[in-house]
Amino acid sequence: TFYGRTEHFRLVKVVRKPEDGPSLVGLFATIKIY
């Protein structure tokens, strides 16, 4: 479960399965908010 911030400093949570790839820490990603 990874946490990051949007450009407006909103906290965003993403759950990623281990098989989906390595850690997201330090990466930028486009996220669809649900």
PDB file of all heavy atoms in Angstrom:
ATOM      1  N   THR A   1       0.859  -1.170   0.000  1.00  0.00           N
ATOM      2  CA  THR A   1       0.000   0.000   0.000  1.00  0.00           C
ATOM      3  C   THR A   1       0.902   1.228   0.000  1.00  0.00           C
ATOM      4  O   THR A   1       1.692   1.415   0.914  1.00  0.00           O
ATOM      5  CB  THR A   1      -0.930   0.005   1.226  1.00  0.00           C
ATOM      6  OG1 THR A   1      -1.729  -1.182   1.192  1.00  0.00           O
ATOM      7  CG2 THR A   1      -1.840   1.215   1.235  1.00  0.00           C
ATOM      8  N   PHE A   2       0.767   2.033  -1.053  1.00  0.00           N
ATOM      9  CA  PHE A   2       1.657   3.170  -1.251  1.00  0.00           C
ATOM     10  C   PHE A   2       0.888   4.476  -1.125  1.00  0.00           C
ATOM     11  O   PHE A   2      -0.276   4.560  -1.514  1.00  0.00           O
ATOM     12  CB  PHE A   2       2.318   3.081  -2.630  1.00  0.00           C
ATOM     13  CG  PHE A   2       3.194   1.868  -2.778  1.00  0.00           C
ATOM     14  CD1 PHE A   2       2.668   0.671  -3.234  1.00  0.00           C
ATOM     15  CD2 PHE A   2       4.526   1.920  -2.431  1.00  0.00           C
ATOM     16  CE1 PHE A   2       3.466  -0.455  -3.355  1.00  0.00           C
ATOM     17  CE2 PHE A   2       5.339   0.803  -2.540  1.00  0.00           C
ATOM     18  CZ  PHE A   2       4.798  -0.392  -3.006  1.00  0.00           C
ATOM     19  N   TYR A   3       1.577   5.485  -0.601  1.00  0.00           N
ATOM     20  CA  TYR A   3       0.977   6.804  -0.421  1.00  0.00           C
ATOM     21  C   TYR A   3       1.826   7.857  -1.121  1.00  0.00           C
ATOM     22  O   TYR A   3       3.057   7.811  -1.078  1.00  0.00           O
ATOM     23  CB  TYR A   3       0.878   7.163   1.066  1.00  0.00           C
ATOM     24  CG  TYR A   3      -0.170   6.369   1.793  1.00  0.00           C
ATOM     25  CD1 TYR A   3       0.133   5.146   2.374  1.00  0.00           C
ATOM     26  CD2 TYR A   3      -1.478   6.836   1.887  1.00  0.00           C
ATOM     27  CE1 TYR A   3      -0.834   4.404   3.041  1.00  0.00           C
ATOM     28  CE2 TYR A   3      -2.449   6.107   2.547  1.00  0.00           C
ATOM     29  CZ  TYR A   3      -2.124   4.892   3.126  1.00  0.00           C
ATOM     30  OH  TYR A   3      -3.078   4.166   3.767  1.00  0.00           O
ATOM     31  N   GLY A   4       1.137   8.779  -1.757  1.00  0.00           N
ATOM     32  CA  GLY A   4       1.812   9.874  -2.427  1.00  0.00           C
ATOM     33  C   GLY A   4       0.951  11.119  -2.381  1.00  0.00           C
ATOM     34  O   GLY A   4      -0.131  11.119  -1.794  1.00  0.00           O
ATOM     35  N   ARG A   5       1.446  12.160  -3.022  1.00  0.00           N
ATOM     36  CA  ARG A   5       0.752  13.446  -3.019  1.00  0.00           C
ATOM     37  C   ARG A   5       0.553  13.948  -4.447  1.00  0.00           C
ATOM     38  O   ARG A   5       1.417  13.779  -5.295  1.00  0.00           O
ATOM     39  CB  ARG A   5       1.559  14.497  -2.253  1.00  0.00           C
ATOM     40  CG  ARG A   5       1.766  14.175  -0.789  1.00  0.00           C
ATOM     41  CD  ARG A   5       0.645  14.693   0.034  1.00  0.00           C
ATOM     42  NE  ARG A   5       0.864  14.390   1.451  1.00  0.00           N
ATOM     43  CZ  ARG A   5      -0.007  14.647   2.394  1.00  0.00           C
ATOM     44  NH1 ARG A   5      -1.158  15.223   2.075  1.00  0.00           N
ATOM     45  NH2 ARG A   5       0.225  14.339   3.640  1.00  0.00           N
ATOM     46  N   THR A   6      -0.601  14.571  -4.653  1.00  0.00           N
ATOM     47  CA  THR A   6      -0.867  15.240  -5.921  1.00  0.00           C
ATOM     48  C   THR A   6      -0.168  16.600  -5.904  1.00  0.00           C
ATOM     49  O   THR A   6       0.362  17.017  -4.871  1.00  0.00           O
ATOM     50  CB  THR A   6      -2.377  15.481  -6.129  1.00  0.00           C
ATOM     51  OG1 THR A   6      -2.818  16.462  -5.175  1.00  0.00           O
ATOM     52  CG2 THR A   6      -3.179  14.199  -6.010  1.00  0.00           C
ATOM     53  N   GLU A   7      -0.240  17.301  -7.028  1.00  0.00           N
ATOM     54  CA  GLU A   7       0.360  18.634  -7.080  1.00  0.00           C
ATOM     55  C   GLU A   7      -0.338  19.602  -6.128  1.00  0.00           C
ATOM     56  O   GLU A   7       0.225  20.620  -5.751  1.00  0.00           O
ATOM     57  CB  GLU A   7       0.344  19.185  -8.501  1.00  0.00           C
ATOM     58  CG  GLU A   7      -1.056  19.436  -9.038  1.00  0.00           C
ATOM     59  CD  GLU A   7      -1.038  19.967 -10.450  1.00  0.00           C
ATOM     60  OE1 GLU A   7      -0.566  21.101 -10.655  1.00  0.00           O
ATOM     61  OE2 GLU A   7      -1.479  19.230 -11.340  1.00  0.00           O
ATOM     62  N   HIS A   8      -1.554  19.274  -5.716  1.00  0.00           N
ATOM     63  CA  HIS A   8      -2.281  20.114  -4.751  1.00  0.00           C
ATOM     64  C   HIS A   8      -2.159  19.576  -3.337  1.00  0.00           C
ATOM     65  O   HIS A   8      -2.940  19.935  -2.461  1.00  0.00           O
ATOM     66  CB  HIS A   8      -3.752  20.244  -5.167  1.00  0.00           C
ATOM     67  CG  HIS A   8      -3.908  20.952  -6.466  1.00  0.00           C
ATOM     68  ND1 HIS A   8      -4.276  20.302  -7.627  1.00  0.00           N
ATOM     69  CD2 HIS A   8      -3.679  22.242  -6.807  1.00  0.00           C
ATOM     70  CE1 HIS A   8      -4.294  21.175  -8.615  1.00  0.00           C
ATOM     71  NE2 HIS A   8      -3.929  22.350  -8.142  1.00  0.00           N
ATOM     72  N   PHE A   9      -1.204  18.683  -3.136  1.00  0.00           N
ATOM     73  CA  PHE A   9      -0.840  18.128  -1.829  1.00  0.00           C
ATOM     74  C   PHE A   9      -1.915  17.216  -1.229  1.00  0.00           C
ATOM     75  O   PHE A   9      -1.950  16.963  -0.046  1.00  0.00           O
ATOM     76  CB  PHE A   9      -0.464  19.251  -0.846  1.00  0.00           C
ATOM     77  CG  PHE A   9       0.506  18.797   0.202  1.00  0.00           C
ATOM     78  CD1 PHE A   9       1.781  18.397  -0.144  1.00  0.00           C
ATOM     79  CD2 PHE A   9       0.144  18.764   1.532  1.00  0.00           C
ATOM     80  CE1 PHE A   9       2.680  17.957   0.808  1.00  0.00           C
ATOM     81  CE2 PHE A   9       1.031  18.328   2.513  1.00  0.00           C
ATOM     82  CZ  PHE A   9       2.309  17.933   2.139  1.00  0.00           C
ATOM     83  N   ARG A  10      -2.813  16.701  -2.044  1.00  0.00           N
ATOM     84  CA  ARG A  10      -3.800  15.748  -1.538  1.00  0.00           C
ATOM     85  C   ARG A  10      -3.130  14.381  -1.425  1.00  0.00           C
ATOM     86  O   ARG A  10      -2.410  13.948  -2.331  1.00  0.00           O
ATOM     87  CB  ARG A  10      -4.992  15.682  -2.474  1.00  0.00           C
ATOM     88  CG  ARG A  10      -5.739  16.993  -2.574  1.00  0.00           C
ATOM     89  CD  ARG A  10      -7.122  16.811  -3.129  1.00  0.00           C
ATOM     90  NE  ARG A  10      -7.785  17.957  -3.653  1.00  0.00           N
ATOM     91  CZ  ARG A  10      -7.913  19.153  -3.117  1.00  0.00           C
ATOM     92  NH1 ARG A  10      -7.347  19.398  -1.987  1.00  0.00           N
ATOM     93  NH2 ARG A  10      -8.585  20.122  -3.697  1.00  0.00           N
ATOM     94  N   LEU A  11      -3.401  13.703  -0.321  1.00  0.00           N
ATOM     95  CA  LEU A  11      -2.833  12.383  -0.073  1.00  0.00           C
ATOM     96  C   LEU A  11      -3.594  11.335  -0.891  1.00  0.00           C
ATOM     97  O   LEU A  11      -4.830  11.320  -0.889  1.00  0.00           O
ATOM     98  CB  LEU A  11      -2.927  12.046   1.419  1.00  0.00           C
ATOM     99  CG  LEU A  11      -2.267  10.757   1.880  1.00  0.00           C
ATOM    100  CD1 LEU A  11      -0.750  10.808   1.669  1.00  0.00           C
ATOM    101  CD2 LEU A  11      -2.585  10.509   3.353  1.00  0.00           C
ATOM    102  N   VAL A  12      -2.843  10.481  -1.588  1.00  0.00           N
ATOM    103  CA  VAL A  12      -3.446   9.444  -2.430  1.00  0.00           C
ATOM    104  C   VAL A  12      -2.885   8.085  -2.024  1.00  0.00           C
ATOM    105  O   VAL A  12      -1.684   7.925  -1.842  1.00  0.00           O
ATOM    106  CB  VAL A  12      -3.139   9.692  -3.929  1.00  0.00           C
ATOM    107  CG1 VAL A  12      -3.705   8.570  -4.792  1.00  0.00           C
ATOM    108  CG2 VAL A  12      -3.708  11.036  -4.368  1.00  0.00           C
ATOM    109  N   LYS A  13      -3.794   7.125  -1.901  1.00  0.00           N
ATOM    110  CA  LYS A  13      -3.447   5.753  -1.525  1.00  0.00           C
ATOM    111  C   LYS A  13      -3.668   4.832  -2.726  1.00  0.00           C
ATOM    112  O   LYS A  13      -4.704   4.909  -3.377  1.00  0.00           O
ATOM    113  CB  LYS A  13      -4.353   5.316  -0.369  1.00  0.00           C
ATOM    114  CG  LYS A  13      -4.246   3.869   0.031  1.00  0.00           C
ATOM    115  CD  LYS A  13      -5.249   3.572   1.146  1.00  0.00           C
ATOM    116  CE  LYS A  13      -5.300   2.124   1.503  1.00  0.00           C
ATOM    117  NZ  LYS A  13      -6.261   1.851   2.580  1.00  0.00           N
ATOM    118  N   VAL A  14      -2.671   3.976  -2.982  1.00  0.00           N
ATOM    119  CA  VAL A  14      -2.781   2.979  -4.047  1.00  0.00           C
ATOM    120  C   VAL A  14      -2.317   1.644  -3.487  1.00  0.00           C
ATOM    121  O   VAL A  14      -1.249   1.554  -2.873  1.00  0.00           O
ATOM    122  CB  VAL A  14      -1.915   3.365  -5.267  1.00  0.00           C
ATOM    123  CG1 VAL A  14      -1.818   2.209  -6.252  1.00  0.00           C
ATOM    124  CG2 VAL A  14      -2.478   4.590  -5.953  1.00  0.00           C
ATOM    125  N   VAL A  15      -3.127   0.617  -3.690  1.00  0.00           N
ATOM    126  CA  VAL A  15      -2.745  -0.739  -3.302  1.00  0.00           C
ATOM    127  C   VAL A  15      -2.260  -1.443  -4.553  1.00  0.00           C
ATOM    128  O   VAL A  15      -2.937  -1.439  -5.584  1.00  0.00           O
ATOM    129  CB  VAL A  15      -3.925  -1.503  -2.663  1.00  0.00           C
ATOM    130  CG1 VAL A  15      -3.519  -2.918  -2.304  1.00  0.00           C
ATOM    131  CG2 VAL A  15      -4.445  -0.752  -1.439  1.00  0.00           C
ATOM    132  N   ARG A  16      -1.086  -2.024  -4.444  1.00  0.00           N
ATOM    133  CA  ARG A  16      -0.465  -2.665  -5.607  1.00  0.00           C
ATOM    134  C   ARG A  16      -0.060  -4.082  -5.230  1.00  0.00           C
ATOM    135  O   ARG A  16       0.611  -4.293  -4.229  1.00  0.00           O
ATOM    136  CB  ARG A  16       0.761  -1.858  -6.021  1.00  0.00           C
ATOM    137  CG  ARG A  16       1.347  -2.295  -7.322  1.00  0.00           C
ATOM    138  CD  ARG A  16       2.423  -1.314  -7.727  1.00  0.00           C
ATOM    139  NE  ARG A  16       2.701  -1.471  -9.143  1.00  0.00           N
ATOM    140  CZ  ARG A  16       3.853  -1.164  -9.685  1.00  0.00           C
ATOM    141  NH1 ARG A  16       4.824  -0.674  -8.954  1.00  0.00           N
ATOM    142  NH2 ARG A  16       4.048  -1.323 -10.962  1.00  0.00           N
ATOM    143  N   LYS A  17      -0.449  -5.047  -6.034  1.00  0.00           N
ATOM    144  CA  LYS A  17      -0.073  -6.439  -5.801  1.00  0.00           C
ATOM    145  C   LYS A  17       1.416  -6.610  -6.105  1.00  0.00           C
ATOM    146  O   LYS A  17       1.949  -5.962  -7.011  1.00  0.00           O
ATOM    147  CB  LYS A  17      -0.897  -7.364  -6.692  1.00  0.00           C
ATOM    148  CG  LYS A  17      -2.371  -7.306  -6.408  1.00  0.00           C
ATOM    149  CD  LYS A  17      -3.131  -8.150  -7.406  1.00  0.00           C
ATOM    150  CE  LYS A  17      -4.617  -7.937  -7.211  1.00  0.00           C
ATOM    151  NZ  LYS A  17      -5.380  -8.329  -8.365  1.00  0.00           N
ATOM    152  N   PRO A  18       2.096  -7.497  -5.380  1.00  0.00           N
ATOM    153  CA  PRO A  18       3.529  -7.701  -5.620  1.00  0.00           C
ATOM    154  C   PRO A  18       3.834  -8.069  -7.076  1.00  0.00           C
ATOM    155  O   PRO A  18       4.833  -7.633  -7.629  1.00  0.00           O
ATOM    156  CB  PRO A  18       3.902  -8.847  -4.687  1.00  0.00           C
ATOM    157  CG  PRO A  18       2.840  -8.892  -3.657  1.00  0.00           C
ATOM    158  CD  PRO A  18       1.593  -8.326  -4.290  1.00  0.00           C
ATOM    159  N   GLU A  19       2.947  -8.825  -7.707  1.00  0.00           N
ATOM    160  CA  GLU A  19       3.188  -9.240  -9.092  1.00  0.00           C
ATOM    161  C   GLU A  19       3.031  -8.079 -10.100  1.00  0.00           C
ATOM    162  O   GLU A  19       3.389  -8.199 -11.266  1.00  0.00           O
ATOM    163  CB  GLU A  19       2.285 -10.417  -9.491  1.00  0.00           C
ATOM    164  CG  GLU A  19       0.800 -10.142  -9.416  1.00  0.00           C
ATOM    165  CD  GLU A  19       0.156 -10.486  -8.066  1.00  0.00           C
ATOM    166  OE1 GLU A  19       0.865 -10.646  -7.053  1.00  0.00           O
ATOM    167  OE2 GLU A  19      -1.070 -10.579  -8.041  1.00  0.00           O
ATOM    168  N   ASP A  20       2.490  -6.943  -9.623  1.00  0.00           N
ATOM    169  CA  ASP A  20       2.317  -5.791 -10.505  1.00  0.00           C
ATOM    170  C   ASP A  20       3.607  -4.991 -10.693  1.00  0.00           C
ATOM    171  O   ASP A  20       3.639  -4.075 -11.509  1.00  0.00           O
ATOM    172  CB  ASP A  20       1.232  -4.857  -9.962  1.00  0.00           C
ATOM    173  CG  ASP A  20      -0.147  -5.478 -10.058  1.00  0.00           C
ATOM    174  OD1 ASP A  20      -0.336  -6.396 -10.873  1.00  0.00           O
ATOM    175  OD2 ASP A  20      -1.032  -5.039  -9.306  1.00  0.00           O
ATOM    176  N   GLY A  21       4.625  -5.316  -9.935  1.00  0.00           N
ATOM    177  CA  GLY A  21       5.893  -4.619 -10.118  1.00  0.00           C
ATOM    178  C   GLY A  21       6.499  -4.174  -8.802  1.00  0.00           C
ATOM    179  O   GLY A  21       5.942  -4.402  -7.737  1.00  0.00           O
ATOM    180  N   PRO A  22       7.639  -3.500  -8.903  1.00  0.00           N
ATOM    181  CA  PRO A  22       8.362  -3.076  -7.703  1.00  0.00           C
ATOM    182  C   PRO A  22       7.688  -1.896  -7.008  1.00  0.00           C
ATOM    183  O   PRO A  22       6.649  -1.405  -7.443  1.00  0.00           O
ATOM    184  CB  PRO A  22       9.738  -2.690  -8.243  1.00  0.00           C
ATOM    185  CG  PRO A  22       9.475  -2.263  -9.644  1.00  0.00           C
ATOM    186  CD  PRO A  22       8.333  -3.126 -10.123  1.00  0.00           C
ATOM    187  N   SER A  23       8.339  -1.417  -5.996  1.00  0.00           N
ATOM    188  CA  SER A  23       7.865  -0.296  -5.197  1.00  0.00           C
ATOM    189  C   SER A  23       7.570   0.931  -6.052  1.00  0.00           C
ATOM    190  O   SER A  23       8.231   1.192  -7.055  1.00  0.00           O
ATOM    191  CB  SER A  23       8.931   0.058  -4.159  1.00  0.00           C
ATOM    192  OG  SER A  23       8.602   1.252  -3.493  1.00  0.00           O
ATOM    193  N   LEU A  24       6.593   1.700  -5.627  1.00  0.00           N
ATOM    194  CA  LEU A  24       6.251   2.957  -6.294  1.00  0.00           C
ATOM    195  C   LEU A  24       6.991   4.149  -5.686  1.00  0.00           C
ATOM    196  O   LEU A  24       6.958   5.247  -6.240  1.00  0.00           O
ATOM    197  CB  LEU A  24       4.743   3.218  -6.191  1.00  0.00           C
ATOM    198  CG  LEU A  24       3.823   2.270  -6.936  1.00  0.00           C
ATOM    199  CD1 LEU A  24       2.367   2.577  -6.590  1.00  0.00           C
ATOM    200  CD2 LEU A  24       4.052   2.376  -8.433  1.00  0.00           C
ATOM    201  N   VAL A  25       7.656   3.943  -4.564  1.00  0.00           N
ATOM    202  CA  VAL A  25       8.301   5.047  -3.850  1.00  0.00           C
ATOM    203  C   VAL A  25       9.297   5.762  -4.756  1.00  0.00           C
ATOM    204  O   VAL A  25      10.156   5.152  -5.380  1.00  0.00           O
ATOM    205  CB  VAL A  25       8.989   4.555  -2.555  1.00  0.00           C
ATOM    206  CG1 VAL A  25       9.744   5.693  -1.876  1.00  0.00           C
ATOM    207  CG2 VAL A  25       7.965   3.952  -1.609  1.00  0.00           C
ATOM    208  N   GLY A  26       9.128   7.068  -4.837  1.00  0.00           N
ATOM    209  CA  GLY A  26       9.998   7.891  -5.661  1.00  0.00           C
ATOM    210  C   GLY A  26       9.535   8.039  -7.095  1.00  0.00           C
ATOM    211  O   GLY A  26      10.153   8.761  -7.876  1.00  0.00           O
ATOM    212  N   LEU A  27       8.453   7.385  -7.458  1.00  0.00           N
ATOM    213  CA  LEU A  27       7.959   7.446  -8.835  1.00  0.00           C
ATOM    214  C   LEU A  27       6.768   8.393  -8.961  1.00  0.00           C
ATOM    215  O   LEU A  27       5.986   8.554  -8.025  1.00  0.00           O
ATOM    216  CB  LEU A  27       7.524   6.059  -9.311  1.00  0.00           C
ATOM    217  CG  LEU A  27       8.573   4.962  -9.311  1.00  0.00           C
ATOM    218  CD1 LEU A  27       7.965   3.668  -9.804  1.00  0.00           C
ATOM    219  CD2 LEU A  27       9.772   5.364 -10.152  1.00  0.00           C
ATOM    220  N   PHE A  28       6.632   8.962 -10.150  1.00  0.00           N
ATOM    221  CA  PHE A  28       5.419   9.693 -10.525  1.00  0.00           C
ATOM    222  C   PHE A  28       4.539   8.725 -11.300  1.00  0.00           C
ATOM    223  O   PHE A  28       5.031   7.951 -12.123  1.00  0.00           O
ATOM    224  CB  PHE A  28       5.749  10.870 -11.455  1.00  0.00           C
ATOM    225  CG  PHE A  28       6.187  12.105 -10.746  1.00  0.00           C
ATOM    226  CD1 PHE A  28       7.526  12.425 -10.678  1.00  0.00           C
ATOM    227  CD2 PHE A  28       5.261  12.963 -10.170  1.00  0.00           C
ATOM    228  CE1 PHE A  28       7.953  13.581 -10.046  1.00  0.00           C
ATOM    229  CE2 PHE A  28       5.666  14.126  -9.535  1.00  0.00           C
ATOM    230  CZ  PHE A  28       7.019  14.432  -9.475  1.00  0.00           C
ATOM    231  N   ALA A  29       3.234   8.798 -11.064  1.00  0.00           N
ATOM    232  CA  ALA A  29       2.300   7.957 -11.808  1.00  0.00           C
ATOM    233  C   ALA A  29       0.987   8.712 -11.996  1.00  0.00           C
ATOM    234  O   ALA A  29       0.624   9.560 -11.184  1.00  0.00           O
ATOM    235  CB  ALA A  29       2.049   6.646 -11.072  1.00  0.00           C
ATOM    236  N   THR A  30       0.311   8.397 -13.082  1.00  0.00           N
ATOM    237  CA  THR A  30      -1.040   8.914 -13.293  1.00  0.00           C
ATOM    238  C   THR A  30      -1.986   7.958 -12.590  1.00  0.00           C
ATOM    239  O   THR A  30      -1.957   6.741 -12.825  1.00  0.00           O
ATOM    240  CB  THR A  30      -1.380   8.976 -14.794  1.00  0.00           C
ATOM    241  OG1 THR A  30      -0.396   9.779 -15.440  1.00  0.00           O
ATOM    242  CG2 THR A  30      -2.756   9.569 -15.018  1.00  0.00           C
ATOM    243  N   ILE A  31      -2.804   8.507 -11.723  1.00  0.00           N
ATOM    244  CA  ILE A  31      -3.716   7.714 -10.900  1.00  0.00           C
ATOM    245  C   ILE A  31      -5.150   8.120 -11.187  1.00  0.00           C
ATOM    246  O   ILE A  31      -5.474   9.305 -11.247  1.00  0.00           O
ATOM    247  CB  ILE A  31      -3.419   7.935  -9.393  1.00  0.00           C
ATOM    248  CG1 ILE A  31      -1.949   7.632  -9.076  1.00  0.00           C
ATOM    249  CG2 ILE A  31      -4.369   7.121  -8.521  1.00  0.00           C
ATOM    250  CD1 ILE A  31      -1.514   6.217  -9.386  1.00  0.00           C
ATOM    251  N   LYS A  32      -6.019   7.123 -11.369  1.00  0.00           N
ATOM    252  CA  LYS A  32      -7.464   7.377 -11.519  1.00  0.00           C
ATOM    253  C   LYS A  32      -8.077   7.270 -10.129  1.00  0.00           C
ATOM    254  O   LYS A  32      -8.007   6.222  -9.474  1.00  0.00           O
ATOM    255  CB  LYS A  32      -8.090   6.349 -12.458  1.00  0.00           C
ATOM    256  CG  LYS A  32      -9.589   6.470 -12.568  1.00  0.00           C
ATOM    257  CD  LYS A  32      -9.992   7.015 -13.888  1.00  0.00           C
ATOM    258  CE  LYS A  32     -11.489   7.202 -13.944  1.00  0.00           C
ATOM    259  NZ  LYS A  32     -12.018   7.062 -15.250  1.00  0.00           N
ATOM    260  N   ILE A  33      -8.660   8.346  -9.664  1.00  0.00           N
ATOM    261  CA  ILE A  33      -9.243   8.400  -8.321  1.00  0.00           C
ATOM    262  C   ILE A  33     -10.627   7.748  -8.350  1.00  0.00           C
ATOM    263  O   ILE A  33     -11.475   8.111  -9.164  1.00  0.00           O
ATOM    264  CB  ILE A  33      -9.353   9.857  -7.820  1.00  0.00           C
ATOM    265  CG1 ILE A  33      -7.991  10.570  -7.881  1.00  0.00           C
ATOM    266  CG2 ILE A  33      -9.957   9.904  -6.417  1.00  0.00           C
ATOM    267  CD1 ILE A  33      -6.886   9.955  -7.081  1.00  0.00           C
ATOM    268  N   TYR A  34     -10.832   6.766  -7.456  1.00  0.00           N
ATOM    269  CA  TYR A  34     -12.133   6.095  -7.416  1.00  0.00           C
ATOM    270  C   TYR A  34     -12.848   6.246  -6.077  1.00  0.00           C
ATOM    271  O   TYR A  34     -14.037   5.904  -5.955  1.00  0.00           O
ATOM    272  CB  TYR A  34     -12.002   4.609  -7.767  1.00  0.00           C
ATOM    273  CG  TYR A  34     -11.266   3.772  -6.762  1.00  0.00           C
ATOM    274  CD1 TYR A  34     -11.907   3.254  -5.640  1.00  0.00           C
ATOM    275  CD2 TYR A  34      -9.919   3.482  -6.931  1.00  0.00           C
ATOM    276  CE1 TYR A  34     -11.227   2.484  -4.710  1.00  0.00           C
ATOM    277  CE2 TYR A  34      -9.240   2.709  -6.013  1.00  0.00           C
ATOM    278  CZ  TYR A  34      -9.889   2.214  -4.909  1.00  0.00           C
ATOM    279  OH  TYR A  34      -9.206   1.464  -3.988  1.00  0.00           O
TER     280      TYR A  34
END
